[in-house]
Amino acid sequence: MVSGSGVCAKRVVIDGRHHMLGRLASIVAKELLNGQKVVLVRSEEICISGGIVRQKMKYMRFL
């Protein structure tokens, strides 16, 4: 299906199970910039690497 702007308006379904957070985020961002609709399933099983203390500090700064 091609929309008026020439961009394919197809829905992309991505399984987040056992994928690294940063790499998956870059894939999703690229699809969104291309005008695709993205559905991410099983996002609770995404892997987060790095030290637990560092991750907690990042999370606390985010809040």
N, C-alpha and C. Protein backbone atom coordinates (compact mmCIF):
# COMPACT_ATOMS: atom_id res chain seq x y z
N MET A 1 0.85 -1.17 0.00
CA MET A 1 0.00 0.00 0.00
C MET A 1 0.89 1.23 0.00
N VAL A 2 0.68 2.11 -0.96
CA VAL A 2 1.48 3.32 -1.07
C VAL A 2 0.58 4.51 -0.77
N SER A 3 1.02 5.35 0.13
CA SER A 3 0.24 6.54 0.47
C SER A 3 0.56 7.65 -0.53
N GLY A 4 -0.05 8.80 -0.34
CA GLY A 4 0.12 9.92 -1.25
C GLY A 4 1.55 10.45 -1.30
N SER A 5 2.30 10.30 -0.22
CA SER A 5 3.67 10.82 -0.20
C SER A 5 4.68 9.84 -0.80
N GLY A 6 4.22 8.67 -1.22
CA GLY A 6 5.12 7.70 -1.83
C GLY A 6 5.79 6.79 -0.82
N VAL A 7 5.46 6.92 0.45
CA VAL A 7 6.05 6.09 1.49
C VAL A 7 5.11 4.93 1.78
N CYS A 8 5.66 3.76 1.90
CA CYS A 8 4.85 2.58 2.19
C CYS A 8 4.33 2.67 3.62
N ALA A 9 3.01 2.65 3.79
CA ALA A 9 2.40 2.80 5.12
C ALA A 9 2.07 1.43 5.70
N LYS A 10 3.03 0.57 5.75
CA LYS A 10 2.83 -0.78 6.25
C LYS A 10 3.20 -0.83 7.73
N ARG A 11 2.54 -1.69 8.46
CA ARG A 11 2.83 -1.84 9.89
C ARG A 11 3.94 -2.88 10.05
N VAL A 12 4.97 -2.53 10.80
CA VAL A 12 6.09 -3.43 11.06
C VAL A 12 5.95 -3.95 12.48
N VAL A 13 5.93 -5.29 12.64
CA VAL A 13 5.84 -5.91 13.96
C VAL A 13 7.23 -6.44 14.31
N ILE A 14 7.76 -6.01 15.45
CA ILE A 14 9.10 -6.41 15.89
C ILE A 14 8.97 -7.14 17.21
N ASP A 15 9.59 -8.32 17.28
CA ASP A 15 9.62 -9.10 18.51
C ASP A 15 10.86 -8.68 19.30
N GLY A 16 10.66 -8.14 20.49
CA GLY A 16 11.76 -7.62 21.29
C GLY A 16 12.46 -8.65 22.14
N ARG A 17 12.03 -9.89 22.10
CA ARG A 17 12.58 -10.93 22.97
C ARG A 17 14.06 -11.17 22.69
N HIS A 18 14.88 -11.07 23.72
CA HIS A 18 16.33 -11.34 23.69
C HIS A 18 17.11 -10.40 22.76
N HIS A 19 16.60 -9.20 22.50
CA HIS A 19 17.34 -8.21 21.73
C HIS A 19 17.93 -7.18 22.69
N MET A 20 19.08 -6.62 22.32
CA MET A 20 19.72 -5.59 23.14
C MET A 20 18.94 -4.28 22.97
N LEU A 21 18.78 -3.55 24.06
CA LEU A 21 17.95 -2.35 24.09
C LEU A 21 18.40 -1.30 23.09
N GLY A 22 19.67 -0.96 23.09
CA GLY A 22 20.17 0.10 22.21
C GLY A 22 20.07 -0.25 20.74
N ARG A 23 20.41 -1.47 20.40
CA ARG A 23 20.35 -1.89 19.00
C ARG A 23 18.92 -1.94 18.50
N LEU A 24 18.02 -2.42 19.35
CA LEU A 24 16.62 -2.47 18.98
C LEU A 24 16.04 -1.07 18.83
N ALA A 25 16.47 -0.16 19.70
CA ALA A 25 16.00 1.23 19.61
C ALA A 25 16.42 1.88 18.30
N SER A 26 17.63 1.57 17.83
CA SER A 26 18.08 2.15 16.57
C SER A 26 17.30 1.60 15.39
N ILE A 27 16.93 0.32 15.44
CA ILE A 27 16.13 -0.28 14.37
C ILE A 27 14.74 0.34 14.34
N VAL A 28 14.13 0.48 15.53
CA VAL A 28 12.79 1.06 15.61
C VAL A 28 12.82 2.52 15.15
N ALA A 29 13.85 3.27 15.54
CA ALA A 29 13.95 4.67 15.14
C ALA A 29 14.07 4.81 13.63
N LYS A 30 14.85 3.94 13.01
CA LYS A 30 15.01 3.99 11.56
C LYS A 30 13.69 3.72 10.84
N GLU A 31 12.94 2.74 11.34
CA GLU A 31 11.64 2.43 10.74
C GLU A 31 10.67 3.60 10.91
N LEU A 32 10.68 4.24 12.08
CA LEU A 32 9.80 5.38 12.31
C LEU A 32 10.17 6.56 11.42
N LEU A 33 11.47 6.80 11.22
CA LEU A 33 11.90 7.88 10.34
C LEU A 33 11.52 7.62 8.89
N ASN A 34 11.40 6.34 8.52
CA ASN A 34 10.97 5.98 7.17
C ASN A 34 9.47 6.08 7.01
N GLY A 35 8.75 6.42 8.07
CA GLY A 35 7.30 6.59 7.98
C GLY A 35 6.50 5.33 8.25
N GLN A 36 7.16 4.29 8.73
CA GLN A 36 6.47 3.04 9.02
C GLN A 36 5.79 3.12 10.38
N LYS A 37 4.72 2.35 10.53
CA LYS A 37 4.10 2.19 11.84
C LYS A 37 4.73 0.97 12.48
N VAL A 38 5.19 1.10 13.73
CA VAL A 38 5.94 0.04 14.40
C VAL A 38 5.15 -0.47 15.60
N VAL A 39 5.06 -1.81 15.70
CA VAL A 39 4.46 -2.46 16.86
C VAL A 39 5.55 -3.33 17.47
N LEU A 40 5.87 -3.08 18.74
CA LEU A 40 6.90 -3.85 19.44
C LEU A 40 6.22 -4.79 20.42
N VAL A 41 6.43 -6.09 20.23
CA VAL A 41 5.82 -7.08 21.12
C VAL A 41 6.89 -7.71 22.00
N ARG A 42 6.48 -8.23 23.15
CA ARG A 42 7.35 -8.85 24.15
C ARG A 42 8.49 -7.92 24.57
N SER A 43 8.15 -6.67 24.82
CA SER A 43 9.17 -5.69 25.21
C SER A 43 9.68 -5.93 26.63
N GLU A 44 8.94 -6.69 27.44
CA GLU A 44 9.41 -6.96 28.80
C GLU A 44 10.60 -7.92 28.82
N GLU A 45 10.91 -8.56 27.68
CA GLU A 45 12.02 -9.51 27.61
C GLU A 45 13.24 -8.93 26.89
N ILE A 46 13.32 -7.61 26.75
CA ILE A 46 14.47 -6.96 26.13
C ILE A 46 15.65 -7.00 27.10
N CYS A 47 16.84 -7.29 26.58
CA CYS A 47 18.05 -7.37 27.41
C CYS A 47 18.66 -5.98 27.57
N ILE A 48 19.08 -5.68 28.79
CA ILE A 48 19.78 -4.43 29.09
C ILE A 48 21.16 -4.80 29.60
N SER A 49 22.20 -4.34 28.89
CA SER A 49 23.56 -4.69 29.30
C SER A 49 24.14 -3.57 30.15
N GLY A 50 25.29 -3.83 30.75
CA GLY A 50 25.96 -2.85 31.58
C GLY A 50 25.77 -3.16 33.05
N GLY A 51 26.48 -2.44 33.88
CA GLY A 51 26.40 -2.65 35.31
C GLY A 51 25.06 -2.20 35.89
N ILE A 52 24.59 -2.91 36.88
CA ILE A 52 23.30 -2.61 37.49
C ILE A 52 23.32 -1.26 38.19
N VAL A 53 24.44 -0.89 38.79
CA VAL A 53 24.54 0.39 39.48
C VAL A 53 24.43 1.53 38.46
N ARG A 54 25.13 1.39 37.35
CA ARG A 54 25.08 2.41 36.30
C ARG A 54 23.67 2.56 35.74
N GLN A 55 22.99 1.45 35.53
CA GLN A 55 21.63 1.50 35.01
C GLN A 55 20.68 2.17 35.99
N LYS A 56 20.85 1.87 37.28
CA LYS A 56 20.01 2.50 38.30
C LYS A 56 20.25 4.01 38.35
N MET A 57 21.51 4.43 38.22
CA MET A 57 21.83 5.86 38.24
C MET A 57 21.19 6.57 37.05
N LYS A 58 21.24 5.95 35.87
CA LYS A 58 20.61 6.53 34.69
C LYS A 58 19.11 6.66 34.89
N TYR A 59 18.51 5.63 35.47
CA TYR A 59 17.07 5.64 35.70
C TYR A 59 16.69 6.73 36.69
N MET A 60 17.48 6.91 37.74
CA MET A 60 17.18 7.93 38.74
C MET A 60 17.32 9.34 38.14
N ARG A 61 18.28 9.53 37.23
CA ARG A 61 18.41 10.82 36.56
C ARG A 61 17.24 11.09 35.63
N PHE A 62 16.69 10.02 35.06
CA PHE A 62 15.55 10.15 34.16
C PHE A 62 14.31 10.62 34.90
N LEU A 63 14.14 10.16 36.14
CA LEU A 63 12.97 10.54 36.92
C LEU A 63 13.10 11.99 37.32
